[in-house]
N, C-alpha and C. Protein backbone atom coordinates (compact mmCIF):
# COMPACT_ATOMS: atom_id res chain seq x y z
N MET A 1 70.90 95.01 190.79
CA MET A 1 69.98 95.59 189.77
C MET A 1 69.00 96.62 190.63
N ALA A 2 68.72 97.74 190.02
CA ALA A 2 68.08 98.83 190.69
C ALA A 2 66.35 98.31 190.71
N ASP A 3 65.63 99.35 191.42
CA ASP A 3 64.37 98.71 191.84
C ASP A 3 63.74 99.26 190.44
N LEU A 4 62.71 98.20 190.07
CA LEU A 4 61.98 98.67 188.79
C LEU A 4 60.69 99.20 188.98
N THR A 5 60.35 100.48 188.01
CA THR A 5 58.93 100.87 188.48
C THR A 5 58.00 99.57 187.55
N PRO A 6 56.59 99.66 187.82
CA PRO A 6 55.44 98.69 187.12
C PRO A 6 55.53 99.17 186.04
N PHE A 7 55.65 97.71 184.87
CA PHE A 7 55.02 98.44 183.47
C PHE A 7 53.54 97.90 183.50
N HIS A 8 53.14 98.42 182.36
CA HIS A 8 51.68 98.32 182.23
C HIS A 8 51.55 97.76 180.53
N ILE A 9 50.78 96.70 180.60
CA ILE A 9 50.21 96.24 179.26
C ILE A 9 48.87 96.14 179.04
N ALA A 10 48.14 96.12 177.89
CA ALA A 10 46.76 95.90 177.58
C ALA A 10 46.65 94.84 176.88
N PHE A 11 46.10 93.82 176.80
CA PHE A 11 45.79 92.76 175.76
C PHE A 11 44.37 92.49 175.67
N PRO A 12 44.16 91.74 174.26
CA PRO A 12 42.98 91.47 173.95
C PRO A 12 42.49 90.35 174.40
N VAL A 13 41.09 89.97 174.95
CA VAL A 13 40.53 88.58 175.20
C VAL A 13 39.26 88.73 174.39
N ASP A 14 38.64 87.43 174.17
CA ASP A 14 37.18 87.29 173.88
C ASP A 14 36.33 87.05 175.05
N ASP A 15 36.64 86.77 176.24
CA ASP A 15 35.82 86.13 177.07
C ASP A 15 36.47 86.71 178.18
N LEU A 16 35.67 88.01 178.76
CA LEU A 16 36.18 88.76 180.14
C LEU A 16 35.70 87.44 181.22
N ALA A 17 34.97 86.97 181.10
CA ALA A 17 34.80 85.79 182.47
C ALA A 17 35.91 84.88 182.57
N ALA A 18 36.27 84.27 181.19
CA ALA A 18 37.34 83.44 181.37
C ALA A 18 38.84 84.01 181.35
N ALA A 19 38.90 85.27 181.25
CA ALA A 19 40.04 86.04 181.83
C ALA A 19 40.08 86.20 183.09
N ARG A 20 39.10 86.56 183.57
CA ARG A 20 38.81 87.11 185.15
C ARG A 20 39.33 85.81 186.02
N HIS A 21 38.55 84.37 185.37
CA HIS A 21 38.89 82.99 186.19
C HIS A 21 40.47 82.68 186.12
N PHE A 22 41.12 82.96 184.71
CA PHE A 22 42.29 82.49 184.57
C PHE A 22 43.60 83.50 185.63
N TYR A 23 43.39 84.73 185.01
CA TYR A 23 43.89 85.64 185.80
C TYR A 23 43.89 85.63 187.22
N GLY A 24 43.04 85.83 187.59
CA GLY A 24 42.49 85.71 189.06
C GLY A 24 42.51 84.40 189.70
N GLU A 25 42.08 83.28 189.20
CA GLU A 25 42.08 82.28 190.14
C GLU A 25 43.25 81.41 189.75
N ILE A 26 43.49 81.06 188.44
CA ILE A 26 44.74 80.29 188.07
C ILE A 26 46.15 80.81 188.55
N LEU A 27 46.40 82.17 187.85
CA LEU A 27 47.51 82.69 188.34
C LEU A 27 47.66 83.39 189.85
N GLY A 28 46.40 84.03 189.96
CA GLY A 28 46.35 84.12 191.54
C GLY A 28 46.52 85.80 191.60
N CYS A 29 46.59 86.39 190.01
CA CYS A 29 46.63 88.05 190.34
C CYS A 29 45.41 88.85 190.86
N PRO A 30 45.43 89.39 192.03
CA PRO A 30 44.39 90.31 192.64
C PRO A 30 43.70 91.00 191.44
N GLU A 31 42.33 91.27 191.55
CA GLU A 31 42.01 92.06 190.34
C GLU A 31 41.60 93.63 191.02
N GLY A 32 41.96 94.69 190.19
CA GLY A 32 41.82 95.77 190.47
C GLY A 32 40.64 96.46 189.88
N ARG A 33 40.82 97.79 189.38
CA ARG A 33 39.34 98.11 188.94
C ARG A 33 38.98 97.60 187.78
N SER A 34 37.52 97.42 187.27
CA SER A 34 37.02 96.89 186.17
C SER A 34 35.67 97.66 185.45
N SER A 35 35.38 97.31 184.41
CA SER A 35 34.12 97.47 183.98
C SER A 35 33.39 96.31 183.30
N ASP A 36 32.20 96.71 182.34
CA ASP A 36 32.18 95.45 181.47
C ASP A 36 32.56 95.23 180.33
N ARG A 37 33.87 95.72 180.13
CA ARG A 37 34.44 95.52 178.91
C ARG A 37 36.19 95.55 179.30
N TRP A 38 36.46 95.65 180.12
CA TRP A 38 38.10 95.33 180.83
C TRP A 38 38.18 95.08 182.33
N ILE A 39 39.41 94.57 182.53
CA ILE A 39 39.85 94.30 183.88
C ILE A 39 41.15 94.25 184.24
N ASP A 40 41.59 95.43 185.41
CA ASP A 40 42.79 95.23 185.68
C ASP A 40 43.37 94.14 186.57
N PHE A 41 44.56 93.90 186.34
CA PHE A 41 45.11 92.63 187.35
C PHE A 41 46.54 93.30 187.71
N ASN A 42 46.62 92.79 188.72
CA ASN A 42 48.22 93.06 189.57
C ASN A 42 48.87 91.60 189.04
N LEU A 43 49.61 91.59 188.37
CA LEU A 43 50.52 90.80 188.23
C LEU A 43 51.88 90.78 188.74
N PHE A 44 52.15 90.38 189.64
CA PHE A 44 53.53 90.49 190.40
C PHE A 44 54.06 91.98 190.44
N GLY A 45 53.00 92.41 190.58
CA GLY A 45 53.40 94.03 190.70
C GLY A 45 53.31 95.02 189.58
N HIS A 46 52.98 94.46 188.65
CA HIS A 46 52.49 95.49 187.67
C HIS A 46 51.38 95.10 186.73
N GLN A 47 50.85 96.10 186.45
CA GLN A 47 49.74 96.34 185.92
C GLN A 47 49.19 95.98 184.44
N ILE A 48 48.34 94.92 184.51
CA ILE A 48 47.78 94.39 183.17
C ILE A 48 46.41 94.40 183.00
N VAL A 49 46.25 94.53 181.66
CA VAL A 49 44.69 94.93 181.40
C VAL A 49 43.94 94.15 180.66
N ALA A 50 43.01 93.17 180.69
CA ALA A 50 42.33 92.53 179.67
C ALA A 50 41.15 93.39 179.09
N HIS A 51 41.03 93.52 177.94
CA HIS A 51 40.02 94.14 177.43
C HIS A 51 39.32 92.99 176.23
N GLN A 52 37.98 93.16 176.72
CA GLN A 52 37.38 92.48 175.58
C GLN A 52 37.44 92.95 174.12
N VAL A 53 37.78 92.32 173.20
CA VAL A 53 37.30 92.50 172.10
C VAL A 53 36.59 91.65 171.19
N GLY A 54 36.50 92.04 169.99
CA GLY A 54 35.78 90.85 168.83
C GLY A 54 36.77 90.15 167.99
N PRO A 55 36.48 89.23 167.66
CA PRO A 55 37.40 88.61 166.73
C PRO A 55 37.94 89.65 165.90
N ALA A 56 37.46 89.91 165.08
CA ALA A 56 37.82 90.96 163.82
C ALA A 56 38.73 91.96 164.38
N ASP A 57 38.67 92.26 165.76
CA ASP A 57 39.73 93.30 166.46
C ASP A 57 41.02 92.58 166.96
N ARG A 58 41.54 91.68 167.19
CA ARG A 58 42.35 91.31 167.65
C ARG A 58 43.86 91.35 167.07
N GLY A 59 43.79 91.63 166.04
CA GLY A 59 45.05 91.78 165.07
C GLY A 59 45.71 90.67 164.56
N VAL A 60 47.05 90.47 164.13
CA VAL A 60 47.92 89.53 163.66
C VAL A 60 48.90 89.18 164.62
N THR A 61 48.87 87.55 164.80
CA THR A 61 50.22 87.04 165.56
C THR A 61 51.14 87.07 164.63
N GLY A 62 52.39 87.10 165.38
CA GLY A 62 54.01 87.38 164.38
C GLY A 62 54.30 86.04 164.38
N GLY A 63 53.90 84.81 164.78
CA GLY A 63 54.13 83.59 164.33
C GLY A 63 55.24 83.28 165.44
N GLU A 64 56.52 82.56 165.09
CA GLU A 64 57.18 81.85 166.32
C GLU A 64 58.78 82.15 165.81
N ASN A 65 59.46 82.09 166.61
CA ASN A 65 61.11 82.25 166.67
C ASN A 65 61.93 81.26 167.40
N SER A 66 62.85 80.51 166.68
CA SER A 66 63.44 79.37 167.32
C SER A 66 64.35 79.89 168.35
N VAL A 67 64.20 79.68 169.80
CA VAL A 67 65.18 80.11 170.96
C VAL A 67 65.51 78.50 171.65
N ASP A 68 66.71 78.49 171.61
CA ASP A 68 67.56 77.03 172.18
C ASP A 68 66.52 75.86 171.90
N GLY A 69 66.33 75.76 170.75
CA GLY A 69 65.29 74.57 170.16
C GLY A 69 64.13 74.32 170.22
N HIS A 70 63.54 75.56 170.93
CA HIS A 70 62.17 75.53 171.01
C HIS A 70 61.86 76.47 170.28
N GLN A 71 60.25 76.59 169.84
CA GLN A 71 59.52 77.26 168.95
C GLN A 71 58.78 78.37 170.00
N VAL A 72 59.24 79.91 170.05
CA VAL A 72 58.87 80.62 171.06
C VAL A 72 57.77 81.39 170.40
N PRO A 73 56.41 81.56 170.59
CA PRO A 73 55.17 82.22 170.07
C PRO A 73 55.73 83.71 170.05
N VAL A 74 55.52 84.48 169.12
CA VAL A 74 55.74 85.90 168.97
C VAL A 74 54.44 86.49 168.74
N PRO A 75 53.74 87.46 169.23
CA PRO A 75 54.50 88.29 170.86
C PRO A 75 54.04 87.45 171.68
N HIS A 76 54.79 87.75 172.83
CA HIS A 76 54.27 87.03 173.96
C HIS A 76 54.61 87.78 175.34
N TYR A 77 54.23 87.90 176.63
CA TYR A 77 54.55 88.71 177.68
C TYR A 77 54.71 88.03 178.74
N GLY A 78 55.24 88.42 179.82
CA GLY A 78 55.28 87.61 181.31
C GLY A 78 56.11 88.55 182.00
N VAL A 79 56.67 87.92 183.15
CA VAL A 79 57.46 88.50 184.28
C VAL A 79 58.57 87.69 184.80
N VAL A 80 59.84 88.18 184.76
CA VAL A 80 60.91 87.68 185.40
C VAL A 80 60.70 87.57 186.98
N LEU A 81 60.69 86.31 187.24
CA LEU A 81 60.48 86.09 188.77
C LEU A 81 61.45 85.73 189.65
N ARG A 82 61.83 85.70 191.09
CA ARG A 82 62.79 85.05 191.73
C ARG A 82 62.56 83.53 191.55
N PRO A 83 63.67 82.84 191.71
CA PRO A 83 63.33 81.19 191.11
C PRO A 83 62.34 80.68 192.34
N ALA A 84 62.26 81.01 193.44
CA ALA A 84 61.15 80.13 194.28
C ALA A 84 59.93 80.67 193.80
N ASP A 85 59.46 81.97 193.25
CA ASP A 85 58.22 82.23 193.04
C ASP A 85 58.21 81.79 191.48
N TRP A 86 59.01 81.41 190.71
CA TRP A 86 59.12 80.61 189.25
C TRP A 86 58.36 79.36 189.77
N HIS A 87 59.10 78.56 190.48
CA HIS A 87 58.90 77.22 190.91
C HIS A 87 57.55 77.16 191.42
N ARG A 88 57.12 77.83 192.25
CA ARG A 88 55.73 77.95 192.86
C ARG A 88 54.85 78.18 191.73
N LEU A 89 55.08 78.88 191.14
CA LEU A 89 53.70 79.38 189.79
C LEU A 89 54.02 78.17 188.66
N ALA A 90 55.25 77.57 188.70
CA ALA A 90 54.93 76.27 187.61
C ALA A 90 54.39 75.15 188.27
N ALA A 91 54.47 75.06 189.69
CA ALA A 91 53.41 74.20 190.17
C ALA A 91 52.16 74.16 190.44
N ARG A 92 51.82 75.52 190.67
CA ARG A 92 50.35 76.03 190.76
C ARG A 92 49.87 75.78 189.30
N LEU A 93 50.64 76.24 188.19
CA LEU A 93 50.06 76.06 186.57
C LEU A 93 49.54 74.38 186.63
N LYS A 94 50.55 73.73 186.82
CA LYS A 94 50.59 72.20 186.64
C LYS A 94 49.28 71.76 187.44
N SER A 95 49.19 72.40 188.82
CA SER A 95 47.92 71.74 189.60
C SER A 95 46.85 72.13 188.96
N HIS A 96 46.60 73.19 188.02
CA HIS A 96 45.33 73.57 187.40
C HIS A 96 45.19 72.89 186.19
N GLY A 97 46.27 72.14 185.53
CA GLY A 97 46.13 71.32 184.60
C GLY A 97 46.65 72.29 183.37
N ILE A 98 47.34 73.07 183.50
CA ILE A 98 47.45 73.92 182.11
C ILE A 98 48.39 73.31 181.43
N ARG A 99 48.04 73.40 179.93
CA ARG A 99 48.86 72.85 179.02
C ARG A 99 49.91 73.95 178.72
N PHE A 100 51.03 73.25 178.65
CA PHE A 100 52.35 74.31 178.44
C PHE A 100 52.57 74.24 176.73
N LEU A 101 52.91 75.26 176.25
CA LEU A 101 53.39 75.57 175.07
C LEU A 101 54.94 74.84 175.15
N ILE A 102 55.76 75.52 176.00
CA ILE A 102 56.81 74.81 176.18
C ILE A 102 57.05 74.38 177.93
N GLU A 103 57.25 73.51 178.06
CA GLU A 103 57.19 73.14 179.66
C GLU A 103 58.22 73.77 180.34
N PRO A 104 57.80 73.89 181.72
CA PRO A 104 58.98 74.47 182.58
C PRO A 104 60.47 73.84 182.42
N HIS A 105 61.55 74.63 181.98
CA HIS A 105 62.81 73.84 182.22
C HIS A 105 64.04 75.18 182.23
N THR A 106 65.05 74.47 182.07
CA THR A 106 66.16 75.59 181.91
C THR A 106 66.84 75.90 180.57
N ARG A 107 66.99 76.88 180.24
CA ARG A 107 67.52 77.01 178.84
C ARG A 107 69.15 77.79 179.05
N PHE A 108 69.70 77.60 177.89
CA PHE A 108 71.09 78.09 177.85
C PHE A 108 71.98 77.55 179.33
N GLU A 109 71.81 76.49 179.50
CA GLU A 109 72.47 76.05 180.62
C GLU A 109 73.86 75.89 180.88
N GLY A 110 74.49 76.54 181.83
CA GLY A 110 75.82 76.60 181.79
C GLY A 110 76.27 77.67 180.91
N GLU A 111 75.71 78.69 180.48
CA GLU A 111 76.00 79.68 179.56
C GLU A 111 75.55 80.88 180.21
N VAL A 112 76.21 81.83 179.76
CA VAL A 112 75.68 83.32 179.97
C VAL A 112 73.98 83.51 179.82
N GLY A 113 73.48 84.05 180.67
CA GLY A 113 71.99 84.15 180.52
C GLY A 113 71.25 82.58 180.72
N GLU A 114 72.08 81.88 181.55
CA GLU A 114 70.95 80.46 181.94
C GLU A 114 69.78 80.96 182.79
N GLN A 115 68.49 80.42 182.28
CA GLN A 115 67.63 80.94 182.83
C GLN A 115 66.32 79.74 183.00
N SER A 116 65.57 80.00 183.65
CA SER A 116 64.19 78.95 183.77
C SER A 116 63.09 79.72 182.95
N THR A 117 62.55 78.79 182.34
CA THR A 117 61.32 79.49 181.61
C THR A 117 60.06 78.50 181.24
N MET A 118 59.03 78.82 180.76
CA MET A 118 58.04 78.20 180.74
C MET A 118 57.46 78.99 179.68
N PHE A 119 56.11 78.26 178.94
CA PHE A 119 55.30 79.27 177.96
C PHE A 119 54.06 78.38 178.02
N PHE A 120 53.02 79.40 177.99
CA PHE A 120 51.55 78.94 177.99
C PHE A 120 50.88 79.65 177.57
N LEU A 121 49.21 79.42 177.12
CA LEU A 121 48.22 80.45 176.73
C LEU A 121 47.06 80.97 177.52
N ASP A 122 46.62 82.00 177.86
CA ASP A 122 45.55 82.31 178.26
C ASP A 122 44.27 81.85 177.77
N PRO A 123 43.12 82.10 178.27
CA PRO A 123 42.03 81.39 177.48
C PRO A 123 41.99 82.07 176.10
N ALA A 124 42.23 83.53 175.98
CA ALA A 124 42.00 84.30 174.61
C ALA A 124 42.99 83.63 173.53
N GLY A 125 44.15 82.98 173.93
CA GLY A 125 45.09 82.55 173.06
C GLY A 125 46.25 83.20 173.11
N ASN A 126 46.36 84.34 174.27
CA ASN A 126 47.68 85.07 174.40
C ASN A 126 48.73 84.20 174.83
N ALA A 127 50.01 84.44 174.36
CA ALA A 127 50.83 83.68 175.01
C ALA A 127 51.58 84.46 175.96
N LEU A 128 52.02 83.51 176.97
CA LEU A 128 52.65 83.96 177.91
C LEU A 128 54.22 83.25 178.43
N GLU A 129 55.20 84.00 178.83
CA GLU A 129 56.30 83.55 179.22
C GLU A 129 56.93 84.19 180.59
N PHE A 130 56.93 83.17 181.37
CA PHE A 130 57.39 83.32 182.61
C PHE A 130 58.68 82.89 182.81
N LYS A 131 59.89 83.38 183.35
CA LYS A 131 61.23 83.17 183.55
C LYS A 131 61.92 83.58 184.75
N SER A 132 62.89 82.84 185.11
CA SER A 132 63.79 83.25 186.02
C SER A 132 65.31 83.13 186.24
N PHE A 133 65.99 84.00 186.64
CA PHE A 133 67.40 83.97 186.54
C PHE A 133 67.95 83.59 188.01
N ALA A 134 68.98 82.73 188.22
CA ALA A 134 69.82 82.38 189.20
C ALA A 134 70.12 83.64 189.60
N ASP A 135 70.93 84.20 188.76
CA ASP A 135 71.71 85.37 189.00
C ASP A 135 71.10 86.62 188.01
N MET A 136 70.13 87.25 188.68
CA MET A 136 69.54 88.48 187.83
C MET A 136 70.37 89.18 187.31
N ASP A 137 71.91 89.47 187.64
CA ASP A 137 72.41 90.52 186.67
C ASP A 137 72.88 89.95 185.71
N GLN A 138 72.23 88.58 185.14
CA GLN A 138 72.57 87.97 184.10
C GLN A 138 71.39 88.22 182.77
N LEU A 139 70.65 88.94 183.59
CA LEU A 139 69.05 89.44 182.76
C LEU A 139 69.47 89.98 181.25
N PHE A 140 70.35 90.99 181.46
CA PHE A 140 70.85 91.72 180.11
C PHE A 140 72.09 91.36 179.58
N ALA A 141 72.83 90.34 180.10
CA ALA A 141 73.99 89.81 179.77
C ALA A 141 74.14 89.34 178.36
N SER A 142 75.09 89.96 177.83
CA SER A 142 75.17 89.18 176.13
C SER A 142 76.36 88.53 176.01
């Protein structure tokens, strides 16, 4: 797989201090620039930005889709990690008592696209998925 350039995503939060604690302390994301309304974080080399908004500004959630027997929240975002990094993150989240929407597990076991995955919410209710492929060439396999 070729070197990837970092992605950028901005997402709504209702409590900037809670976002700072969750992304900085629990996920271990270094903080970049910030203001009284937003914070940049380095999420495994990608730029994510928590923007404080009011409840009326949050928009509409998309619901859920069934994937390999689990109800996956839509929308969601996250990063595909190397297996060792994925396992370290899962252990870190468990040590902080994070409640998983979908517990860390392997899906599509023995099939094309086999992957480890986990889903959880940030304090503002944004859904995150972190996954890992033993064979990164399977990332876009059909």
